[in-house]
N, C-alpha and C. Protein backbone atom coordinates (compact mmCIF):
# COMPACT_ATOMS: atom_id res chain seq x y z
N UNK A 1 -112.43 43.19 35.34
CA UNK A 1 -113.46 43.49 34.35
C UNK A 1 -114.78 42.88 34.81
N UNK A 2 -115.85 43.60 34.65
CA UNK A 2 -117.17 43.11 35.04
C UNK A 2 -117.68 42.11 33.99
N UNK A 3 -118.76 41.45 34.33
CA UNK A 3 -119.36 40.53 33.37
C UNK A 3 -120.86 40.78 33.31
N UNK A 4 -121.46 40.37 32.20
CA UNK A 4 -122.90 40.45 32.01
C UNK A 4 -123.37 39.11 31.46
N UNK A 5 -124.58 38.75 31.82
CA UNK A 5 -125.10 37.45 31.43
C UNK A 5 -125.56 37.42 29.97
N UNK A 6 -125.26 36.32 29.30
CA UNK A 6 -125.75 36.12 27.94
C UNK A 6 -127.27 36.26 27.93
N UNK A 7 -127.93 35.70 28.93
CA UNK A 7 -129.40 35.74 28.97
C UNK A 7 -129.94 37.16 29.05
N UNK A 8 -129.18 38.08 29.61
CA UNK A 8 -129.63 39.48 29.67
C UNK A 8 -129.68 40.13 28.29
N UNK A 9 -128.91 39.59 27.35
CA UNK A 9 -128.86 40.16 26.01
C UNK A 9 -129.93 39.58 25.09
N UNK A 10 -130.50 38.44 25.46
CA UNK A 10 -131.44 37.75 24.57
C UNK A 10 -132.59 38.68 24.18
N UNK A 11 -132.80 38.78 22.87
CA UNK A 11 -133.84 39.65 22.33
C UNK A 11 -134.63 38.89 21.28
N UNK A 12 -135.94 39.00 21.35
CA UNK A 12 -136.81 38.40 20.33
C UNK A 12 -137.79 39.46 19.86
N UNK A 13 -137.85 39.61 18.56
CA UNK A 13 -138.79 40.55 17.94
C UNK A 13 -139.68 39.78 16.97
N UNK A 14 -140.85 40.30 16.70
CA UNK A 14 -141.69 39.71 15.66
C UNK A 14 -142.17 40.81 14.72
N UNK A 15 -142.31 40.44 13.47
CA UNK A 15 -142.81 41.35 12.44
C UNK A 15 -143.77 40.57 11.56
N UNK A 16 -144.95 41.11 11.33
CA UNK A 16 -145.88 40.52 10.39
C UNK A 16 -145.49 41.02 9.01
N UNK A 17 -145.24 40.11 8.07
CA UNK A 17 -144.83 40.53 6.73
C UNK A 17 -146.03 41.05 5.96
N UNK A 18 -146.03 42.36 5.73
CA UNK A 18 -147.09 43.06 5.02
C UNK A 18 -146.60 43.46 3.63
N UNK A 19 -147.50 43.84 2.73
CA UNK A 19 -147.12 44.14 1.34
C UNK A 19 -146.01 45.17 1.19
N UNK A 20 -145.92 46.15 2.06
CA UNK A 20 -144.90 47.20 1.92
C UNK A 20 -143.47 46.65 2.02
N UNK A 21 -143.29 45.51 2.67
CA UNK A 21 -141.95 44.92 2.83
C UNK A 21 -141.74 43.70 1.95
N UNK A 22 -142.53 43.57 0.87
CA UNK A 22 -142.38 42.42 -0.01
C UNK A 22 -141.96 42.83 -1.41
N UNK A 23 -141.42 41.85 -2.13
CA UNK A 23 -141.07 42.06 -3.53
C UNK A 23 -142.26 41.67 -4.40
N UNK A 24 -142.07 41.63 -5.72
CA UNK A 24 -143.18 41.32 -6.62
C UNK A 24 -143.59 39.85 -6.58
N UNK A 25 -142.87 39.02 -5.83
CA UNK A 25 -143.23 37.61 -5.65
C UNK A 25 -143.98 37.39 -4.33
N UNK A 26 -144.20 38.47 -3.56
CA UNK A 26 -144.89 38.35 -2.29
C UNK A 26 -144.01 37.80 -1.18
N UNK A 27 -142.71 38.00 -1.33
CA UNK A 27 -141.75 37.53 -0.33
C UNK A 27 -140.99 38.71 0.27
N UNK A 28 -140.46 38.51 1.47
CA UNK A 28 -139.78 39.60 2.17
C UNK A 28 -138.61 40.14 1.37
N UNK A 29 -138.50 41.46 1.31
CA UNK A 29 -137.33 42.10 0.73
C UNK A 29 -136.13 41.82 1.63
N UNK A 30 -134.99 41.49 1.04
CA UNK A 30 -133.79 41.24 1.82
C UNK A 30 -133.42 42.42 2.70
N UNK A 31 -133.61 43.62 2.19
CA UNK A 31 -133.29 44.82 2.97
C UNK A 31 -134.16 44.97 4.20
N UNK A 32 -135.42 44.57 4.10
CA UNK A 32 -136.31 44.63 5.27
C UNK A 32 -135.84 43.65 6.33
N UNK A 33 -135.46 42.44 5.91
CA UNK A 33 -134.98 41.42 6.85
C UNK A 33 -133.69 41.91 7.52
N UNK A 34 -132.78 42.48 6.74
CA UNK A 34 -131.53 43.01 7.31
C UNK A 34 -131.81 44.12 8.32
N UNK A 35 -132.77 44.97 8.02
CA UNK A 35 -133.16 46.05 8.93
C UNK A 35 -133.63 45.48 10.26
N UNK A 36 -134.50 44.47 10.20
CA UNK A 36 -134.99 43.85 11.43
C UNK A 36 -133.85 43.21 12.22
N UNK A 37 -132.94 42.55 11.50
CA UNK A 37 -131.81 41.89 12.16
C UNK A 37 -130.91 42.91 12.86
N UNK A 38 -130.66 44.04 12.21
CA UNK A 38 -129.81 45.08 12.78
C UNK A 38 -130.45 45.66 14.05
N UNK A 39 -131.74 45.90 14.03
CA UNK A 39 -132.43 46.43 15.22
C UNK A 39 -132.37 45.41 16.36
N UNK A 40 -132.67 44.16 16.07
CA UNK A 40 -132.64 43.12 17.10
C UNK A 40 -131.25 43.01 17.72
N UNK A 41 -130.23 43.00 16.87
CA UNK A 41 -128.85 42.88 17.37
C UNK A 41 -128.44 44.10 18.18
N UNK A 42 -128.87 45.28 17.76
CA UNK A 42 -128.53 46.50 18.50
C UNK A 42 -129.17 46.47 19.89
N UNK A 43 -130.41 46.02 19.98
CA UNK A 43 -131.07 45.92 21.29
C UNK A 43 -130.33 44.92 22.17
N UNK A 44 -129.94 43.77 21.61
CA UNK A 44 -129.20 42.76 22.38
C UNK A 44 -127.89 43.34 22.90
N UNK A 45 -127.16 44.07 22.04
CA UNK A 45 -125.88 44.66 22.44
C UNK A 45 -126.07 45.72 23.52
N UNK A 46 -127.11 46.54 23.40
CA UNK A 46 -127.36 47.58 24.41
C UNK A 46 -127.82 46.98 25.73
N UNK A 47 -128.68 45.96 25.68
CA UNK A 47 -129.10 45.29 26.91
C UNK A 47 -127.90 44.69 27.63
N UNK A 48 -127.00 44.10 26.86
CA UNK A 48 -125.82 43.45 27.43
C UNK A 48 -124.86 44.45 28.07
N UNK A 49 -124.56 45.52 27.34
CA UNK A 49 -123.53 46.47 27.78
C UNK A 49 -124.05 47.61 28.63
N UNK A 50 -125.33 47.92 28.52
CA UNK A 50 -125.87 49.08 29.20
C UNK A 50 -125.38 50.38 28.58
N UNK A 51 -124.93 50.32 27.33
CA UNK A 51 -124.38 51.47 26.62
C UNK A 51 -125.07 51.63 25.27
N UNK A 52 -124.93 52.82 24.71
CA UNK A 52 -125.34 53.02 23.32
C UNK A 52 -124.40 52.19 22.46
N UNK A 53 -124.92 51.51 21.45
CA UNK A 53 -124.10 50.67 20.58
C UNK A 53 -124.40 50.99 19.12
N UNK A 54 -123.36 50.96 18.30
CA UNK A 54 -123.51 51.21 16.88
C UNK A 54 -122.99 50.03 16.09
N UNK A 55 -123.59 49.79 14.93
CA UNK A 55 -123.20 48.68 14.08
C UNK A 55 -121.82 48.94 13.49
N UNK A 56 -120.92 47.97 13.66
CA UNK A 56 -119.58 48.07 13.08
C UNK A 56 -119.48 47.19 11.84
N UNK A 57 -120.11 46.02 11.87
CA UNK A 57 -120.08 45.15 10.69
C UNK A 57 -121.21 44.14 10.74
N UNK A 58 -121.57 43.70 9.56
CA UNK A 58 -122.52 42.60 9.39
C UNK A 58 -121.77 41.57 8.57
N UNK A 59 -121.54 40.40 9.17
CA UNK A 59 -120.82 39.36 8.45
C UNK A 59 -121.77 38.62 7.52
N UNK A 60 -121.20 37.81 6.70
CA UNK A 60 -121.90 36.96 5.74
C UNK A 60 -123.33 36.67 6.18
N UNK A 61 -124.28 37.07 5.37
CA UNK A 61 -125.70 36.83 5.66
C UNK A 61 -126.16 35.66 4.80
N UNK A 62 -126.76 34.67 5.43
CA UNK A 62 -127.31 33.54 4.70
C UNK A 62 -128.82 33.64 4.67
N UNK A 63 -129.37 33.78 3.45
CA UNK A 63 -130.82 33.74 3.26
C UNK A 63 -131.15 32.30 2.90
N UNK A 64 -131.68 31.56 3.85
CA UNK A 64 -131.89 30.12 3.70
C UNK A 64 -133.23 29.77 3.07
N UNK A 65 -134.24 30.58 3.33
CA UNK A 65 -135.59 30.34 2.83
C UNK A 65 -136.34 31.66 2.84
N UNK A 66 -137.35 31.78 1.99
CA UNK A 66 -138.11 33.04 1.95
C UNK A 66 -139.09 33.16 3.11
N UNK A 67 -139.50 34.39 3.33
CA UNK A 67 -140.60 34.69 4.26
C UNK A 67 -141.72 35.20 3.37
N UNK A 68 -142.87 34.56 3.45
CA UNK A 68 -143.98 34.89 2.55
C UNK A 68 -144.94 35.89 3.18
N UNK A 69 -145.61 36.65 2.31
CA UNK A 69 -146.61 37.62 2.72
C UNK A 69 -147.59 36.97 3.70
N UNK A 70 -147.83 37.65 4.84
CA UNK A 70 -148.76 37.16 5.84
C UNK A 70 -148.11 36.29 6.91
N UNK A 71 -146.84 35.89 6.70
CA UNK A 71 -146.15 35.10 7.72
C UNK A 71 -145.56 36.04 8.77
N UNK A 72 -145.25 35.48 9.92
CA UNK A 72 -144.63 36.23 11.00
C UNK A 72 -143.14 35.93 10.98
N UNK A 73 -142.34 36.98 10.92
CA UNK A 73 -140.88 36.83 11.03
C UNK A 73 -140.53 36.95 12.50
N UNK A 74 -139.81 35.95 13.02
CA UNK A 74 -139.35 35.96 14.39
C UNK A 74 -137.85 36.14 14.34
N UNK A 75 -137.36 37.24 14.93
CA UNK A 75 -135.94 37.59 14.89
C UNK A 75 -135.39 37.43 16.30
N UNK A 76 -134.38 36.57 16.44
CA UNK A 76 -133.78 36.32 17.75
C UNK A 76 -132.30 36.67 17.71
N UNK A 77 -131.82 37.33 18.76
CA UNK A 77 -130.42 37.68 18.84
C UNK A 77 -129.90 37.59 20.26
N UNK A 78 -128.60 37.31 20.38
CA UNK A 78 -127.95 37.27 21.69
C UNK A 78 -126.46 37.53 21.53
N UNK A 79 -125.86 38.11 22.55
CA UNK A 79 -124.42 38.36 22.57
C UNK A 79 -123.72 37.06 22.88
N UNK A 80 -122.69 36.73 22.08
CA UNK A 80 -121.94 35.50 22.33
C UNK A 80 -120.45 35.72 22.54
N UNK A 81 -119.95 36.92 22.23
CA UNK A 81 -118.52 37.19 22.39
C UNK A 81 -118.30 38.69 22.45
N UNK A 82 -117.19 39.08 23.07
CA UNK A 82 -116.85 40.51 23.15
C UNK A 82 -115.35 40.70 22.94
N UNK A 83 -115.01 41.92 22.55
CA UNK A 83 -113.63 42.39 22.55
C UNK A 83 -113.55 43.46 23.64
N UNK A 84 -112.58 44.34 23.54
CA UNK A 84 -112.46 45.39 24.55
C UNK A 84 -113.65 46.35 24.49
N UNK A 85 -114.01 46.78 23.26
CA UNK A 85 -115.15 47.70 23.09
C UNK A 85 -116.20 47.14 22.13
N UNK A 86 -115.94 45.97 21.58
CA UNK A 86 -116.85 45.40 20.58
C UNK A 86 -117.69 44.27 21.16
N UNK A 87 -118.84 44.07 20.53
CA UNK A 87 -119.82 43.07 20.97
C UNK A 87 -120.28 42.30 19.75
N UNK A 88 -120.13 40.97 19.78
CA UNK A 88 -120.58 40.11 18.69
C UNK A 88 -121.95 39.54 19.03
N UNK A 89 -122.87 39.65 18.07
CA UNK A 89 -124.24 39.20 18.27
C UNK A 89 -124.60 38.19 17.18
N UNK A 90 -125.19 37.10 17.59
CA UNK A 90 -125.70 36.08 16.67
C UNK A 90 -127.17 36.38 16.46
N UNK A 91 -127.60 36.44 15.19
CA UNK A 91 -129.01 36.70 14.89
C UNK A 91 -129.53 35.62 13.96
N UNK A 92 -130.69 35.09 14.31
CA UNK A 92 -131.36 34.10 13.48
C UNK A 92 -132.79 34.56 13.25
N UNK A 93 -133.28 34.31 12.04
CA UNK A 93 -134.65 34.67 11.70
C UNK A 93 -135.37 33.40 11.26
N UNK A 94 -136.60 33.27 11.70
CA UNK A 94 -137.43 32.17 11.22
C UNK A 94 -138.79 32.73 10.82
N UNK A 95 -139.44 32.03 9.92
CA UNK A 95 -140.79 32.40 9.48
C UNK A 95 -141.78 31.47 10.14
N UNK A 96 -142.87 32.04 10.62
CA UNK A 96 -143.95 31.25 11.20
C UNK A 96 -145.21 31.48 10.39
N UNK A 97 -145.88 30.40 10.10
CA UNK A 97 -147.22 30.48 9.50
C UNK A 97 -148.19 30.37 10.67
N UNK A 98 -148.79 31.48 11.10
CA UNK A 98 -149.62 31.44 12.31
C UNK A 98 -150.88 30.59 12.15
N UNK A 99 -151.33 30.39 10.92
CA UNK A 99 -152.54 29.57 10.72
C UNK A 99 -152.22 28.08 10.78
N UNK A 100 -151.08 27.69 10.24
CA UNK A 100 -150.72 26.27 10.20
C UNK A 100 -149.89 25.86 11.41
N UNK A 101 -149.34 26.85 12.14
CA UNK A 101 -148.51 26.53 13.29
C UNK A 101 -147.15 25.97 12.92
N UNK A 102 -146.69 26.29 11.69
CA UNK A 102 -145.40 25.78 11.21
C UNK A 102 -144.35 26.88 11.24
N UNK A 103 -143.10 26.47 11.34
CA UNK A 103 -141.99 27.41 11.45
C UNK A 103 -140.79 26.86 10.67
N UNK A 104 -139.97 27.76 10.09
CA UNK A 104 -138.75 27.33 9.40
C UNK A 104 -137.69 28.42 9.51
N UNK A 105 -136.43 28.00 9.53
CA UNK A 105 -135.31 28.94 9.56
C UNK A 105 -135.23 29.65 8.22
N UNK A 106 -134.97 30.97 8.25
CA UNK A 106 -134.90 31.72 6.99
C UNK A 106 -133.60 32.49 6.79
N UNK A 107 -133.02 33.04 7.86
CA UNK A 107 -131.86 33.91 7.71
C UNK A 107 -130.99 33.82 8.94
N UNK A 108 -129.67 33.96 8.75
CA UNK A 108 -128.74 33.95 9.87
C UNK A 108 -127.54 34.84 9.56
N UNK A 109 -126.98 35.45 10.61
CA UNK A 109 -125.79 36.28 10.44
C UNK A 109 -125.18 36.60 11.80
N UNK A 110 -123.96 37.12 11.75
CA UNK A 110 -123.27 37.65 12.91
C UNK A 110 -123.10 39.15 12.69
N UNK A 111 -123.40 39.94 13.71
CA UNK A 111 -123.22 41.38 13.63
C UNK A 111 -122.29 41.81 14.75
N UNK A 112 -121.45 42.79 14.48
CA UNK A 112 -120.54 43.32 15.49
C UNK A 112 -120.90 44.78 15.75
N UNK A 113 -120.95 45.11 17.03
CA UNK A 113 -121.28 46.46 17.48
C UNK A 113 -120.13 47.02 18.30
N UNK A 114 -120.07 48.34 18.39
CA UNK A 114 -119.12 49.01 19.26
C UNK A 114 -119.94 49.80 20.27
N UNK A 115 -119.59 49.64 21.56
CA UNK A 115 -120.25 50.37 22.64
C UNK A 115 -119.65 51.76 22.74
N UNK A 116 -120.49 52.76 22.97
CA UNK A 116 -120.03 54.15 23.05
C UNK A 116 -120.33 54.74 24.42
N UNK A 117 -119.42 55.62 24.86
CA UNK A 117 -119.65 56.34 26.12
C UNK A 117 -120.51 57.58 25.83
N UNK A 118 -120.72 58.40 26.83
CA UNK A 118 -121.56 59.59 26.69
C UNK A 118 -121.04 60.61 25.69
N UNK A 119 -119.74 60.54 25.37
CA UNK A 119 -119.15 61.45 24.39
C UNK A 119 -119.07 60.84 22.99
N UNK A 120 -119.64 59.65 22.83
CA UNK A 120 -119.62 59.01 21.52
C UNK A 120 -118.32 58.30 21.19
N UNK A 121 -117.51 58.03 22.20
CA UNK A 121 -116.24 57.32 21.99
C UNK A 121 -116.37 55.86 22.42
N UNK A 122 -115.64 54.97 21.74
CA UNK A 122 -115.68 53.56 22.14
C UNK A 122 -115.34 53.40 23.62
N UNK A 123 -116.07 52.51 24.29
CA UNK A 123 -115.88 52.28 25.72
C UNK A 123 -115.87 50.78 26.00
N UNK A 124 -115.22 50.40 27.08
CA UNK A 124 -115.09 48.98 27.41
C UNK A 124 -116.44 48.35 27.72
N UNK A 125 -116.52 47.05 27.41
CA UNK A 125 -117.75 46.29 27.64
C UNK A 125 -117.44 45.13 28.60
N UNK A 126 -118.47 44.61 29.27
CA UNK A 126 -118.26 43.49 30.18
C UNK A 126 -117.97 42.19 29.42
N UNK A 127 -117.42 41.22 30.14
CA UNK A 127 -117.21 39.88 29.60
C UNK A 127 -118.56 39.15 29.56
N UNK A 128 -118.64 38.10 28.75
CA UNK A 128 -119.86 37.29 28.65
C UNK A 128 -119.85 36.23 29.75
N UNK A 129 -120.93 36.18 30.52
CA UNK A 129 -121.09 35.16 31.56
C UNK A 129 -122.24 34.24 31.17
N UNK A 130 -121.97 32.95 31.19
CA UNK A 130 -123.00 31.95 30.91
C UNK A 130 -123.33 31.25 32.21
N UNK A 131 -124.57 31.37 32.65
CA UNK A 131 -124.97 30.81 33.94
C UNK A 131 -125.61 29.45 33.86
N UNK A 132 -125.95 29.01 32.66
CA UNK A 132 -126.58 27.69 32.51
C UNK A 132 -125.87 26.92 31.40
N UNK A 133 -126.10 25.62 31.38
CA UNK A 133 -125.54 24.78 30.33
C UNK A 133 -126.11 25.17 28.97
N UNK A 134 -127.38 25.57 28.93
CA UNK A 134 -127.99 26.01 27.68
C UNK A 134 -127.31 27.27 27.14
N UNK A 135 -127.03 28.24 28.01
CA UNK A 135 -126.34 29.46 27.58
C UNK A 135 -124.94 29.13 27.07
N UNK A 136 -124.24 28.26 27.76
CA UNK A 136 -122.89 27.87 27.33
C UNK A 136 -122.95 27.17 25.97
N UNK A 137 -123.96 26.33 25.76
CA UNK A 137 -124.12 25.65 24.48
C UNK A 137 -124.42 26.64 23.35
N UNK A 138 -125.28 27.62 23.61
CA UNK A 138 -125.57 28.66 22.61
C UNK A 138 -124.30 29.42 22.24
N UNK A 139 -123.54 29.78 23.26
CA UNK A 139 -122.30 30.54 23.04
C UNK A 139 -121.29 29.70 22.25
N UNK A 140 -121.09 28.46 22.64
CA UNK A 140 -120.13 27.60 21.95
C UNK A 140 -120.54 27.36 20.50
N UNK A 141 -121.84 27.17 20.26
CA UNK A 141 -122.32 26.97 18.90
C UNK A 141 -122.02 28.20 18.04
N UNK A 142 -122.31 29.38 18.58
CA UNK A 142 -122.06 30.62 17.84
C UNK A 142 -120.57 30.82 17.60
N UNK A 143 -119.74 30.57 18.61
CA UNK A 143 -118.29 30.72 18.45
C UNK A 143 -117.76 29.78 17.37
N UNK A 144 -118.20 28.54 17.38
CA UNK A 144 -117.73 27.57 16.38
C UNK A 144 -118.21 27.94 14.98
N UNK A 145 -119.46 28.35 14.84
CA UNK A 145 -119.97 28.76 13.53
C UNK A 145 -119.23 29.98 13.01
N UNK A 146 -118.92 30.92 13.90
CA UNK A 146 -118.17 32.12 13.50
C UNK A 146 -116.76 31.74 13.07
N UNK A 147 -116.10 30.83 13.83
CA UNK A 147 -114.75 30.38 13.44
C UNK A 147 -114.78 29.71 12.07
N UNK A 148 -115.77 28.85 11.85
CA UNK A 148 -115.89 28.16 10.56
C UNK A 148 -116.09 29.16 9.44
N UNK A 149 -116.90 30.15 9.69
CA UNK A 149 -117.15 31.18 8.68
C UNK A 149 -115.86 31.94 8.36
N UNK A 150 -115.11 32.31 9.39
CA UNK A 150 -113.86 33.04 9.17
C UNK A 150 -112.83 32.18 8.44
N UNK A 151 -112.81 30.87 8.74
CA UNK A 151 -111.88 29.97 8.04
C UNK A 151 -112.21 29.88 6.56
N UNK A 152 -113.47 30.01 6.20
CA UNK A 152 -113.87 29.90 4.80
C UNK A 152 -113.71 31.20 4.03
N UNK A 153 -113.31 32.26 4.72
CA UNK A 153 -113.10 33.55 4.08
C UNK A 153 -111.87 33.46 3.18
N UNK A 154 -111.92 34.00 1.96
CA UNK A 154 -110.77 33.94 1.06
C UNK A 154 -109.50 34.48 1.72
N UNK A 155 -108.37 33.87 1.41
CA UNK A 155 -107.08 34.26 1.96
C UNK A 155 -106.81 35.74 1.70
N UNK A 156 -106.35 36.42 2.73
CA UNK A 156 -105.98 37.82 2.58
C UNK A 156 -107.14 38.79 2.72
N UNK A 157 -108.34 38.29 2.89
CA UNK A 157 -109.51 39.16 2.98
C UNK A 157 -109.84 39.39 4.44
N UNK A 158 -109.84 40.63 4.85
CA UNK A 158 -110.23 40.97 6.22
C UNK A 158 -110.92 42.31 6.19
N UNK A 159 -111.52 42.69 7.31
CA UNK A 159 -112.20 43.98 7.37
C UNK A 159 -111.23 45.13 7.08
N UNK A 160 -109.97 44.97 7.50
CA UNK A 160 -109.02 46.06 7.34
C UNK A 160 -108.35 46.06 5.97
N UNK A 161 -108.48 44.98 5.22
CA UNK A 161 -107.82 44.89 3.92
C UNK A 161 -108.79 44.33 2.89
N UNK A 162 -109.72 45.14 2.47
CA UNK A 162 -110.72 44.72 1.50
C UNK A 162 -110.04 44.53 0.14
N UNK A 163 -110.55 43.59 -0.66
CA UNK A 163 -110.00 43.43 -2.00
C UNK A 163 -110.33 44.66 -2.84
N UNK A 164 -109.47 44.99 -3.80
CA UNK A 164 -109.74 46.19 -4.61
C UNK A 164 -110.98 45.99 -5.47
N UNK A 165 -111.70 47.09 -5.66
CA UNK A 165 -112.87 47.06 -6.53
C UNK A 165 -112.38 47.02 -7.97
N UNK A 166 -113.03 46.23 -8.78
CA UNK A 166 -112.71 46.19 -10.21
C UNK A 166 -113.56 47.20 -10.94
N UNK A 167 -112.95 47.92 -11.82
CA UNK A 167 -113.74 48.87 -12.59
C UNK A 167 -114.51 48.12 -13.67
N UNK A 168 -115.64 48.65 -14.01
CA UNK A 168 -116.49 48.05 -15.03
C UNK A 168 -116.40 48.93 -16.26
N UNK A 169 -115.99 48.32 -17.36
CA UNK A 169 -115.90 49.08 -18.60
C UNK A 169 -117.26 49.10 -19.27
N UNK A 170 -117.61 50.24 -19.80
CA UNK A 170 -118.86 50.36 -20.55
C UNK A 170 -118.56 50.78 -21.96
N UNK A 171 -119.42 50.46 -22.87
CA UNK A 171 -119.21 50.84 -24.28
C UNK A 171 -119.92 52.11 -24.61
């Protein structure tokens, strides 16, 4: 099996938060942030695999702090793990105040993609290669955080066995 470097997948995007992507409090809409995260992760997965990639899942998203109108959202993503045809991407978002030169973490998640061949069928992906101690540390941090997240998932809950939806009674 071939390998691809973690550093080849590294993707950084920036978005200036404008009124169209804010709520009535002047803060980023969660859906806008998720959209940016999905695009960043897709680019990272495609750079890594050299294939078209589609989103398979978005794991637990943590909104840690708001992004305010006029701030710059910096979205960073990198591939940290793979399956036979799947690619796991760690995405972190931070807000920067360009006038004050301050920055803070705002959002984090893991996204999984599936690589597709020319016919739109899942295709094998390379293994992750870490060429520096920094890349290995990034990968290990993401793997441990993902393991911790999966351990905290309620018993019996998995992508293949979702809990049943409860019906809502109305009067």
